[in-house]
Amino acid sequence: MTESAAAGAPAAIAFARQERASCVSDREWKFRLRGYGYAVQDTPRGRMLTHVVKGTEIGLI
């Protein structure tokens, strides 16, 4: 993770959590996040927030 990505990680994770609270289902949440350029990947470590375009991991949700 680059320093600029690391600096924005807490804000992006907080945003994703806030969006989840306003959605009815996981499917809707993932769809809405995609519109903002984020994706949720289910990994062995847990749910990972990633950038859609770059494919880089931001952090665990």
C-alpha atoms as a PDB file:
ATOM      1  CA  MET A   1       0.000   0.000   0.000  1.00  0.00           C
ATOM      2  CA  THR A   2       1.375   3.424  -0.869  1.00  0.00           C
ATOM      3  CA  GLU A   3       1.512   6.232   1.641  1.00  0.00           C
ATOM      4  CA  SER A   4      -1.232   8.188  -0.112  1.00  0.00           C
ATOM      5  CA  ALA A   5      -3.460   5.107  -0.098  1.00  0.00           C
ATOM      6  CA  ALA A   6      -2.662   4.489   3.562  1.00  0.00           C
ATOM      7  CA  ALA A   7      -3.611   8.070   4.447  1.00  0.00           C
ATOM      8  CA  GLY A   8      -7.052   7.767   2.842  1.00  0.00           C
ATOM      9  CA  ALA A   9      -7.770   4.251   4.067  1.00  0.00           C
ATOM     10  CA  PRO A  10      -9.585   5.143   7.323  1.00  0.00           C
ATOM     11  CA  ALA A  11     -11.858   7.604   5.511  1.00  0.00           C
ATOM     12  CA  ALA A  12     -12.678   5.088   2.765  1.00  0.00           C
ATOM     13  CA  ILE A  13     -13.424   2.349   5.298  1.00  0.00           C
ATOM     14  CA  ALA A  14     -15.617   4.697   7.338  1.00  0.00           C
ATOM     15  CA  PHE A  15     -17.453   5.681   4.163  1.00  0.00           C
ATOM     16  CA  ALA A  16     -18.037   2.022   3.231  1.00  0.00           C
ATOM     17  CA  ARG A  17     -19.384   1.264   6.701  1.00  0.00           C
ATOM     18  CA  GLN A  18     -21.671   4.294   6.558  1.00  0.00           C
ATOM     19  CA  GLU A  19     -23.004   3.172   3.179  1.00  0.00           C
ATOM     20  CA  ARG A  20     -23.645  -0.326   4.555  1.00  0.00           C
ATOM     21  CA  ALA A  21     -25.766   1.118   7.340  1.00  0.00           C
ATOM     22  CA  SER A  22     -28.028   2.813   4.778  1.00  0.00           C
ATOM     23  CA  CYS A  23     -28.462  -0.239   2.518  1.00  0.00           C
ATOM     24  CA  VAL A  24     -31.007  -3.020   2.811  1.00  0.00           C
ATOM     25  CA  SER A  25     -28.775  -5.835   1.510  1.00  0.00           C
ATOM     26  CA  ASP A  26     -25.151  -6.726   0.837  1.00  0.00           C
ATOM     27  CA  ARG A  27     -25.900  -6.767  -2.868  1.00  0.00           C
ATOM     28  CA  GLU A  28     -27.190  -3.183  -2.824  1.00  0.00           C
ATOM     29  CA  TRP A  29     -24.205  -2.098  -0.713  1.00  0.00           C
ATOM     30  CA  LYS A  30     -21.676  -3.614  -3.104  1.00  0.00           C
ATOM     31  CA  PHE A  31     -23.485  -2.073  -6.079  1.00  0.00           C
ATOM     32  CA  ARG A  32     -23.438   1.384  -4.495  1.00  0.00           C
ATOM     33  CA  LEU A  33     -19.765   1.111  -3.557  1.00  0.00           C
ATOM     34  CA  ARG A  34     -18.916   0.179  -7.149  1.00  0.00           C
ATOM     35  CA  GLY A  35     -20.438   3.482  -8.226  1.00  0.00           C
ATOM     36  CA  TYR A  36     -17.872   5.247  -6.040  1.00  0.00           C
ATOM     37  CA  GLY A  37     -14.980   3.139  -7.342  1.00  0.00           C
ATOM     38  CA  TYR A  38     -14.749   0.649  -4.486  1.00  0.00           C
ATOM     39  CA  ALA A  39     -15.334  -3.095  -4.281  1.00  0.00           C
ATOM     40  CA  VAL A  40     -15.722  -5.581  -1.453  1.00  0.00           C
ATOM     41  CA  GLN A  41     -13.756  -8.813  -1.752  1.00  0.00           C
ATOM     42  CA  ASP A  42     -14.392 -11.769   0.551  1.00  0.00           C
ATOM     43  CA  THR A  43     -10.954 -13.091   1.546  1.00  0.00           C
ATOM     44  CA  PRO A  44      -9.758 -15.646   4.113  1.00  0.00           C
ATOM     45  CA  ARG A  45      -8.802 -12.673   6.304  1.00  0.00           C
ATOM     46  CA  GLY A  46     -12.317 -11.173   6.081  1.00  0.00           C
ATOM     47  CA  ARG A  47     -14.040  -8.593   3.901  1.00  0.00           C
ATOM     48  CA  MET A  48     -11.512  -6.408   2.135  1.00  0.00           C
ATOM     49  CA  LEU A  49     -12.296  -2.995   0.650  1.00  0.00           C
ATOM     50  CA  THR A  50     -10.449  -2.499  -2.650  1.00  0.00           C
ATOM     51  CA  HIS A  51     -10.176   0.021  -5.473  1.00  0.00           C
ATOM     52  CA  VAL A  52     -12.069  -1.147  -8.558  1.00  0.00           C
ATOM     53  CA  VAL A  53      -9.731   0.414 -11.116  1.00  0.00           C
ATOM     54  CA  LYS A  54      -6.388  -0.138  -9.399  1.00  0.00           C
ATOM     55  CA  GLY A  55      -7.282  -3.409  -7.723  1.00  0.00           C
ATOM     56  CA  THR A  56      -5.341  -2.414  -4.633  1.00  0.00           C
ATOM     57  CA  GLU A  57      -6.465  -3.348  -1.150  1.00  0.00           C
ATOM     58  CA  ILE A  58      -7.502  -0.517   1.138  1.00  0.00           C
ATOM     59  CA  GLY A  59      -8.235  -2.398   4.336  1.00  0.00           C
ATOM     60  CA  LEU A  60     -10.506  -4.779   6.200  1.00  0.00           C
ATOM     61  CA  ILE A  61     -14.068  -3.694   6.762  1.00  0.00           C
END
